[in-house]
Amino acid sequence: MRRVVGLTAALVLTGCGSLWRPFLEPAAEDNPCSPNTGGALYACADGGTDSDAGPTAPSPWTLEPTNVKNALRAVYTAPAAVAPDQPVSWAVGEAGVALARDPVTHKWAMPNLVNSALNLTAIHGNSQYEIVTVSDSGRAFRYETNGWYEFTPKLQNAATLQAVWASPLGSFVAAGKSSALFKVNESGWKSISILISPQPIRPINLTSVWADGAGNFALTGDDGDIFTLTYADTIARERISTGTALRSIWGAKPTYLFAVGDQGTVVRSSGSGWSIEQVGVIPSTVSLRGVTGRPNGEVWVVGDGGFCAHLNVFGKWERQDTGYSENLNAVFYDDRQQEVIAVGNQGRIFSQQL
């Protein structure tokens, strides 16, 4: 059952070209730690006791070993391997952890240090050597062939960044708490004011961002809002699920978007409005924290407690737990390898070959 709760604007995105190099400086080398078209949906979140939400088959997820116990907050895989012997998959998290997956052995390791004083919260890119990660202290880094480099000039405030998305042409948007919203252009960082009416009473905390590759961005908020940011930097807000945090957004195209959040919330847009999906296999006690998808229409969402569910191409939901209790914080689909990767607490990384 769906309930239409608003209208959505078409999203279009253009990049700013290759903007990185003028704003880069070497990152601190601190030691982080010692030890397209349609859709179906995976979901991972808190465990629940819904009678029809139990796993019905062995888990399709494979645990991939790591040498860290830090919480991993985000994962990204480049769309193409320009250099087949160099990493294309990255997972980032607390204490500056930036794990790279060896393209041959598929083992995760930390070849380049970022900064152990920072918690990395999000990562995205548009190629093997145009990858950006952001931190909870407002600092952003870009990966090149010989390591991670920090953007300069730096932000003028210690914004808590929670999301980043790179366009295919090289520009990107970063967003976070207390209305933190930035673009990078030829002059460096550009702060964007969120001017909406009526102005919210609570601070606007942006939790995730997505772009369709041709002009505008969509962002989620922790008060149940979805924002659209146009190429001209104008902003509109839609109230989707008031008071319920939305934590991740993804789309195959502007007419096929999903956002997920607390209380097992799954919302969907077909371009003419957002609807709340009533999903029997996802208990209302779960918190969903990430969403991604593949061109054939499948989509994955991840969250607390190792709970997973899958909406297949036939429109049927099925539960697919990881078999581990650690929270899952992010998920990403690798079209090149036909694989889904999910990351979570205690350095957990899971993969699912499709």
Protein backbone atom coordinates (compact mmCIF):
# COMPACT_ATOMS: atom_id res chain seq x y z
CA MET A 1 0.00 0.00 0.00
CA ARG A 2 1.32 3.46 -0.85
CA ARG A 3 0.39 6.88 0.46
CA VAL A 4 1.28 9.81 -1.79
CA VAL A 5 2.62 12.58 0.42
CA GLY A 6 3.99 15.16 -1.94
CA LEU A 7 5.24 16.07 -5.37
CA THR A 8 8.80 15.70 -6.46
CA ALA A 9 10.69 17.84 -8.89
CA ALA A 10 12.68 16.44 -11.77
CA LEU A 11 16.38 16.30 -10.96
CA VAL A 12 19.07 17.27 -13.43
CA LEU A 13 22.97 17.69 -12.72
CA THR A 14 25.89 19.26 -14.53
CA GLY A 15 29.43 19.11 -13.25
CA CYS A 16 32.03 21.82 -13.01
CA GLY A 17 34.71 19.98 -14.94
CA SER A 18 37.93 18.69 -13.46
CA LEU A 19 38.25 20.95 -10.43
CA TRP A 20 40.33 18.96 -8.00
CA ARG A 21 44.00 19.72 -8.40
CA PRO A 22 44.04 23.48 -7.60
CA PHE A 23 42.58 22.75 -4.18
CA LEU A 24 44.69 19.80 -3.02
CA GLU A 25 47.42 19.51 -0.43
CA PRO A 26 48.95 16.36 1.09
CA ALA A 27 46.86 14.80 3.86
CA ALA A 28 48.27 14.24 7.34
CA GLU A 29 49.90 10.81 7.53
CA ASP A 30 48.62 9.86 10.98
CA ASN A 31 48.30 6.21 11.89
CA PRO A 32 44.52 5.61 11.99
CA CYS A 33 44.39 2.40 14.00
CA SER A 34 46.30 -0.75 14.75
CA PRO A 35 44.51 -3.83 14.97
CA ASN A 36 18.65 3.40 -14.31
CA THR A 37 15.70 1.77 -14.74
CA GLY A 38 13.36 0.18 -12.26
CA GLY A 39 13.78 -1.49 -8.93
CA ALA A 40 13.93 -4.18 -6.38
CA LEU A 41 15.12 -3.66 -2.85
CA TYR A 42 17.43 -5.13 -0.20
CA ALA A 43 17.12 -3.79 3.33
CA CYS A 44 19.33 -4.19 6.39
CA ALA A 45 18.42 -2.80 9.79
CA ASP A 46 17.63 -3.58 13.41
CA GLY A 47 16.55 -7.11 14.12
CA GLY A 48 12.83 -7.51 14.69
CA THR A 49 10.22 -10.02 15.75
CA ASP A 50 7.62 -9.48 13.05
CA SER A 51 6.12 -12.92 12.45
CA ASP A 52 6.53 -12.74 8.69
CA ALA A 53 9.96 -11.10 8.78
CA GLY A 54 12.10 -14.13 9.61
CA PRO A 55 14.86 -15.36 7.30
CA THR A 56 13.68 -18.11 4.99
CA ALA A 57 17.00 -19.11 3.41
CA PRO A 58 20.75 -19.13 4.20
CA SER A 59 22.31 -15.70 4.07
CA PRO A 60 23.59 -14.72 0.61
CA TRP A 61 26.22 -12.47 2.22
CA THR A 62 29.89 -13.40 2.56
CA LEU A 63 31.93 -11.88 5.38
CA GLU A 64 35.19 -10.38 4.09
CA PRO A 65 37.99 -10.18 6.71
CA THR A 66 39.52 -6.86 7.69
CA ASN A 67 42.25 -6.00 10.17
CA VAL A 68 40.29 -3.20 11.89
CA LYS A 69 37.56 -2.97 14.51
CA ASN A 70 36.55 0.59 13.71
CA ALA A 71 33.00 1.33 12.66
CA LEU A 72 32.90 1.66 8.87
CA ARG A 73 30.51 4.39 7.75
CA ALA A 74 30.58 4.34 3.95
CA VAL A 75 31.66 2.30 0.92
CA TYR A 76 32.28 3.14 -2.72
CA THR A 77 33.40 1.30 -5.86
CA ALA A 78 34.59 3.15 -8.96
CA PRO A 79 32.57 2.45 -12.12
CA ALA A 80 35.61 1.48 -14.19
CA ALA A 81 39.15 0.25 -13.56
CA VAL A 82 41.52 2.60 -15.40
CA ALA A 83 44.45 0.87 -13.73
CA PRO A 84 43.49 -2.80 -13.11
CA ASP A 85 46.25 -3.27 -10.51
CA GLN A 86 45.04 -0.34 -8.36
CA PRO A 87 42.12 -0.28 -5.86
CA VAL A 88 38.63 0.49 -7.10
CA SER A 89 36.72 -0.27 -3.86
CA TRP A 90 37.06 1.75 -0.65
CA ALA A 91 35.48 1.65 2.81
CA VAL A 92 35.91 4.53 5.28
CA GLY A 93 35.06 5.07 8.91
CA GLU A 94 36.05 6.14 12.38
CA ALA A 95 39.59 7.23 13.33
CA GLY A 96 40.45 8.02 9.72
CA VAL A 97 40.18 4.44 8.49
CA ALA A 98 40.29 4.15 4.69
CA LEU A 99 40.39 0.52 3.61
CA ALA A 100 41.14 -0.42 0.01
CA ARG A 101 40.26 -3.74 -1.59
CA ASP A 102 43.03 -5.40 -3.58
CA PRO A 103 41.62 -5.92 -7.11
CA VAL A 104 43.37 -9.28 -7.46
CA THR A 105 43.18 -10.93 -4.02
CA HIS A 106 39.99 -9.08 -2.92
CA LYS A 107 41.59 -8.58 0.51
CA TRP A 108 40.98 -5.32 2.38
CA ALA A 109 43.94 -3.35 3.72
CA MET A 110 44.97 0.23 4.48
CA PRO A 111 47.57 1.27 1.86
CA ASN A 112 47.23 5.01 2.51
CA LEU A 113 46.61 6.81 5.77
CA VAL A 114 44.22 9.74 6.02
CA ASN A 115 44.10 11.23 9.56
CA SER A 116 43.43 9.32 12.77
CA ALA A 117 41.98 12.42 14.43
CA LEU A 118 39.05 12.45 12.00
CA ASN A 119 35.98 10.27 11.59
CA LEU A 120 35.29 9.72 7.89
CA THR A 121 31.56 9.68 7.27
CA ALA A 122 30.96 9.38 3.51
CA ILE A 123 32.73 8.58 0.25
CA HIS A 124 31.85 8.87 -3.43
CA GLY A 125 33.47 9.54 -6.78
CA ASN A 126 33.23 9.22 -10.52
CA SER A 127 36.38 7.29 -11.42
CA GLN A 128 39.22 5.30 -9.92
CA TYR A 129 41.20 8.48 -9.26
CA GLU A 130 38.39 10.95 -8.56
CA ILE A 131 37.18 9.73 -5.17
CA VAL A 132 36.20 12.04 -2.33
CA THR A 133 35.71 11.33 1.37
CA VAL A 134 34.43 13.78 3.99
CA SER A 135 34.72 13.95 7.77
CA ASP A 136 32.77 15.05 10.82
CA SER A 137 35.12 18.02 11.24
CA GLY A 138 34.40 19.58 7.85
CA ARG A 139 37.55 18.37 6.11
CA ALA A 140 37.44 16.71 2.70
CA PHE A 141 40.01 14.52 0.94
CA ARG A 142 40.48 13.27 -2.60
CA TYR A 143 42.31 10.10 -3.64
CA GLU A 144 45.01 10.19 -6.29
CA THR A 145 47.47 7.57 -7.52
CA ASN A 146 49.91 8.22 -4.67
CA GLY A 147 47.53 8.74 -1.77
CA TRP A 148 44.91 10.94 -0.16
CA TYR A 149 45.12 14.73 -0.47
CA GLU A 150 43.18 17.39 1.40
CA PHE A 151 41.24 20.07 -0.43
CA THR A 152 42.46 23.63 0.02
CA PRO A 153 41.33 26.20 0.80
CA LYS A 154 39.72 24.40 3.68
CA LEU A 155 36.24 25.07 4.97
CA GLN A 156 35.99 28.11 7.22
CA ASN A 157 33.96 26.23 9.81
CA ALA A 158 34.11 22.83 11.44
CA ALA A 159 30.96 21.53 9.76
CA THR A 160 29.88 18.00 10.61
CA LEU A 161 29.70 16.54 7.13
CA GLN A 162 27.65 13.36 6.69
CA ALA A 163 27.24 12.99 2.92
CA VAL A 164 29.03 13.54 -0.38
CA TRP A 165 28.19 12.87 -4.02
CA ALA A 166 30.42 13.43 -7.06
CA SER A 167 29.11 14.21 -10.52
CA PRO A 168 30.48 12.43 -13.61
CA LEU A 169 32.10 15.72 -14.67
CA GLY A 170 34.13 16.29 -11.53
CA SER A 171 32.10 18.58 -9.26
CA PHE A 172 30.59 17.42 -5.98
CA VAL A 173 28.23 18.37 -3.16
CA ALA A 174 28.91 17.77 0.53
CA ALA A 175 26.25 18.09 3.24
CA GLY A 176 25.82 17.62 6.96
CA LYS A 177 24.47 18.91 10.26
CA SER A 178 23.23 22.42 11.04
CA SER A 179 22.38 23.23 7.39
CA ALA A 180 25.92 22.47 6.19
CA LEU A 181 25.73 22.39 2.38
CA PHE A 182 28.68 23.01 0.05
CA LYS A 183 29.66 22.77 -3.59
CA VAL A 184 33.19 22.91 -4.96
CA ASN A 185 33.87 25.10 -7.98
CA GLU A 186 36.80 26.92 -9.60
CA SER A 187 37.20 29.10 -6.49
CA GLY A 188 37.09 26.24 -4.00
CA TRP A 189 34.36 25.64 -1.46
CA LYS A 190 31.04 27.40 -1.95
CA SER A 191 28.57 27.50 0.93
CA ILE A 192 24.89 27.27 -0.04
CA SER A 193 22.22 28.77 2.22
CA ILE A 194 19.08 26.73 2.75
CA LEU A 195 16.33 29.32 2.35
CA ILE A 196 12.88 27.78 2.62
CA SER A 197 9.53 28.99 3.90
CA PRO A 198 8.46 28.46 6.55
CA GLN A 199 11.92 28.12 8.06
CA PRO A 200 12.10 24.99 10.25
CA ILE A 201 12.22 25.41 14.03
CA ARG A 202 14.74 22.60 14.42
CA PRO A 203 18.21 22.70 12.84
CA ILE A 204 18.34 21.16 9.38
CA ASN A 205 20.59 18.12 9.53
CA LEU A 206 21.27 16.67 6.09
CA THR A 207 22.05 12.96 6.10
CA SER A 208 22.60 11.87 2.48
CA VAL A 209 22.76 13.16 -1.08
CA TRP A 210 22.13 11.77 -4.56
CA ALA A 211 22.33 13.26 -8.07
CA ASP A 212 21.14 12.02 -11.43
CA GLY A 213 24.29 13.11 -13.24
CA ALA A 214 22.75 15.97 -15.19
CA GLY A 215 21.93 18.94 -12.93
CA ASN A 216 20.16 18.80 -9.55
CA PHE A 217 20.66 16.98 -6.27
CA ALA A 218 18.29 15.34 -3.80
CA LEU A 219 19.11 15.28 -0.09
CA THR A 220 17.51 13.67 2.96
CA GLY A 221 17.09 15.19 6.41
CA ASP A 222 16.73 13.83 9.92
CA ASP A 223 13.26 15.33 10.37
CA GLY A 224 11.61 13.37 7.56
CA ASP A 225 12.32 15.90 4.80
CA ILE A 226 13.66 15.55 1.27
CA PHE A 227 15.32 18.59 -0.30
CA THR A 228 16.03 19.29 -3.96
CA LEU A 229 18.98 21.48 -4.92
CA THR A 230 18.91 22.86 -8.45
CA TYR A 231 21.86 23.72 -10.64
CA ALA A 232 21.07 27.39 -9.91
CA ASP A 233 21.41 26.60 -6.18
CA THR A 234 17.74 27.10 -5.34
CA ILE A 235 16.32 24.72 -2.75
CA ALA A 236 12.88 23.21 -2.20
CA ARG A 237 11.71 21.01 0.66
CA GLU A 238 9.13 18.20 0.75
CA ARG A 239 7.79 16.88 4.05
CA ILE A 240 7.71 13.11 3.73
CA SER A 241 7.56 11.54 7.18
CA THR A 242 7.58 14.30 9.79
CA GLY A 243 9.74 13.52 12.81
CA THR A 244 11.16 10.30 11.34
CA ALA A 245 14.76 10.60 10.23
CA LEU A 246 15.53 9.70 6.62
CA ARG A 247 19.14 8.56 6.37
CA SER A 248 19.88 7.59 2.79
CA ILE A 249 18.65 8.22 -0.74
CA TRP A 250 19.35 6.58 -4.09
CA GLY A 251 17.80 6.53 -7.52
CA ALA A 252 18.19 4.81 -10.86
CA LYS A 253 16.74 7.98 -12.42
CA PRO A 254 14.59 10.93 -11.30
CA THR A 255 11.45 8.87 -11.81
CA TYR A 256 12.70 5.98 -9.69
CA LEU A 257 13.95 7.11 -6.28
CA PHE A 258 14.11 5.46 -2.87
CA ALA A 259 14.84 6.92 0.56
CA VAL A 260 15.05 4.99 3.83
CA GLY A 261 15.27 5.81 7.51
CA ASP A 262 14.23 5.12 11.08
CA GLN A 263 11.26 3.00 12.14
CA GLY A 264 11.65 0.80 9.07
CA THR A 265 10.70 3.70 6.80
CA VAL A 266 10.93 3.16 3.04
CA VAL A 267 9.66 5.91 0.74
CA ARG A 268 9.59 5.90 -3.02
CA SER A 269 9.08 8.40 -5.83
CA SER A 270 8.08 7.77 -9.43
CA GLY A 271 8.55 11.40 -10.38
CA SER A 272 5.00 12.53 -9.61
CA GLY A 273 5.02 12.10 -5.85
CA TRP A 274 6.52 10.31 -2.86
CA SER A 275 4.79 7.33 -1.28
CA ILE A 276 5.45 5.47 1.96
CA GLU A 277 5.89 1.75 1.30
CA GLN A 278 4.26 -0.64 3.76
CA VAL A 279 6.70 -3.56 3.87
CA GLY A 280 5.64 -6.55 5.95
CA VAL A 281 9.09 -8.08 6.29
CA ILE A 282 10.60 -4.90 7.77
CA PRO A 283 9.50 -4.38 11.40
CA SER A 284 8.75 -0.82 12.49
CA THR A 285 11.47 -1.18 15.13
CA VAL A 286 14.29 -1.21 12.60
CA SER A 287 16.47 1.69 11.49
CA LEU A 288 17.48 1.61 7.83
CA ARG A 289 20.71 3.49 7.07
CA GLY A 290 21.73 3.09 3.43
CA VAL A 291 20.32 2.42 -0.02
CA THR A 292 21.78 1.60 -3.43
CA GLY A 293 20.64 -0.14 -6.61
CA ARG A 294 21.50 -1.76 -9.91
CA PRO A 295 20.36 -1.10 -13.49
CA ASN A 296 18.03 -4.10 -13.65
CA GLY A 297 15.87 -2.56 -10.95
CA GLU A 298 17.15 -4.13 -7.75
CA VAL A 299 17.87 -1.88 -4.78
CA TRP A 300 19.53 -2.51 -1.42
CA VAL A 301 19.09 -0.74 1.90
CA VAL A 302 21.16 -1.36 5.04
CA GLY A 303 20.88 -0.57 8.72
CA ASP A 304 21.19 -1.74 12.31
CA GLY A 305 21.53 -5.22 13.74
CA GLY A 306 22.48 -7.14 10.60
CA PHE A 307 18.85 -7.39 9.47
CA CYS A 308 18.47 -7.57 5.68
CA ALA A 309 15.56 -7.90 3.30
CA HIS A 310 15.32 -7.98 -0.47
CA LEU A 311 12.64 -6.81 -2.85
CA ASN A 312 13.23 -8.79 -6.01
CA VAL A 313 12.47 -7.90 -9.62
CA PHE A 314 9.05 -9.52 -9.25
CA GLY A 315 8.09 -7.08 -6.48
CA LYS A 316 8.29 -9.56 -3.59
CA TRP A 317 10.07 -8.82 -0.32
CA GLU A 318 12.16 -11.50 1.37
CA ARG A 319 14.37 -11.34 4.44
CA GLN A 320 18.11 -11.97 4.03
CA ASP A 321 19.93 -11.46 7.34
CA THR A 322 23.74 -11.30 7.34
CA GLY A 323 23.91 -13.71 10.27
CA TYR A 324 25.91 -11.18 12.33
CA SER A 325 24.60 -8.71 14.90
CA GLU A 326 26.74 -5.69 14.01
CA ASN A 327 25.00 -2.65 12.59
CA LEU A 328 25.27 -2.10 8.85
CA ASN A 329 25.86 1.55 7.97
CA ALA A 330 26.14 1.71 4.17
CA VAL A 331 25.81 -0.32 0.98
CA PHE A 332 26.99 0.10 -2.60
CA TYR A 333 26.33 -1.79 -5.83
CA ASP A 334 29.29 -2.44 -8.14
CA ASP A 335 27.90 -2.82 -11.64
CA ARG A 336 31.29 -3.73 -13.07
CA GLN A 337 31.67 -6.74 -10.75
CA GLN A 338 27.92 -7.44 -10.42
CA GLU A 339 28.33 -7.31 -6.66
CA VAL A 340 26.85 -5.62 -3.60
CA ILE A 341 29.10 -4.52 -0.71
CA ALA A 342 27.79 -3.57 2.75
CA VAL A 343 29.87 -2.15 5.63
CA GLY A 344 29.20 -1.77 9.33
CA ASN A 345 30.44 -1.66 12.89
CA GLN A 346 33.45 -3.60 14.17
CA GLY A 347 35.12 -3.35 10.77
CA ARG A 348 32.54 -5.66 9.18
CA ILE A 349 32.39 -5.88 5.39
CA PHE A 350 29.97 -8.18 3.58
CA SER A 351 29.69 -8.90 -0.13
CA GLN A 352 27.02 -10.57 -2.24
CA GLN A 353 27.82 -11.81 -5.73
CA LEU A 354 24.84 -11.53 -8.05
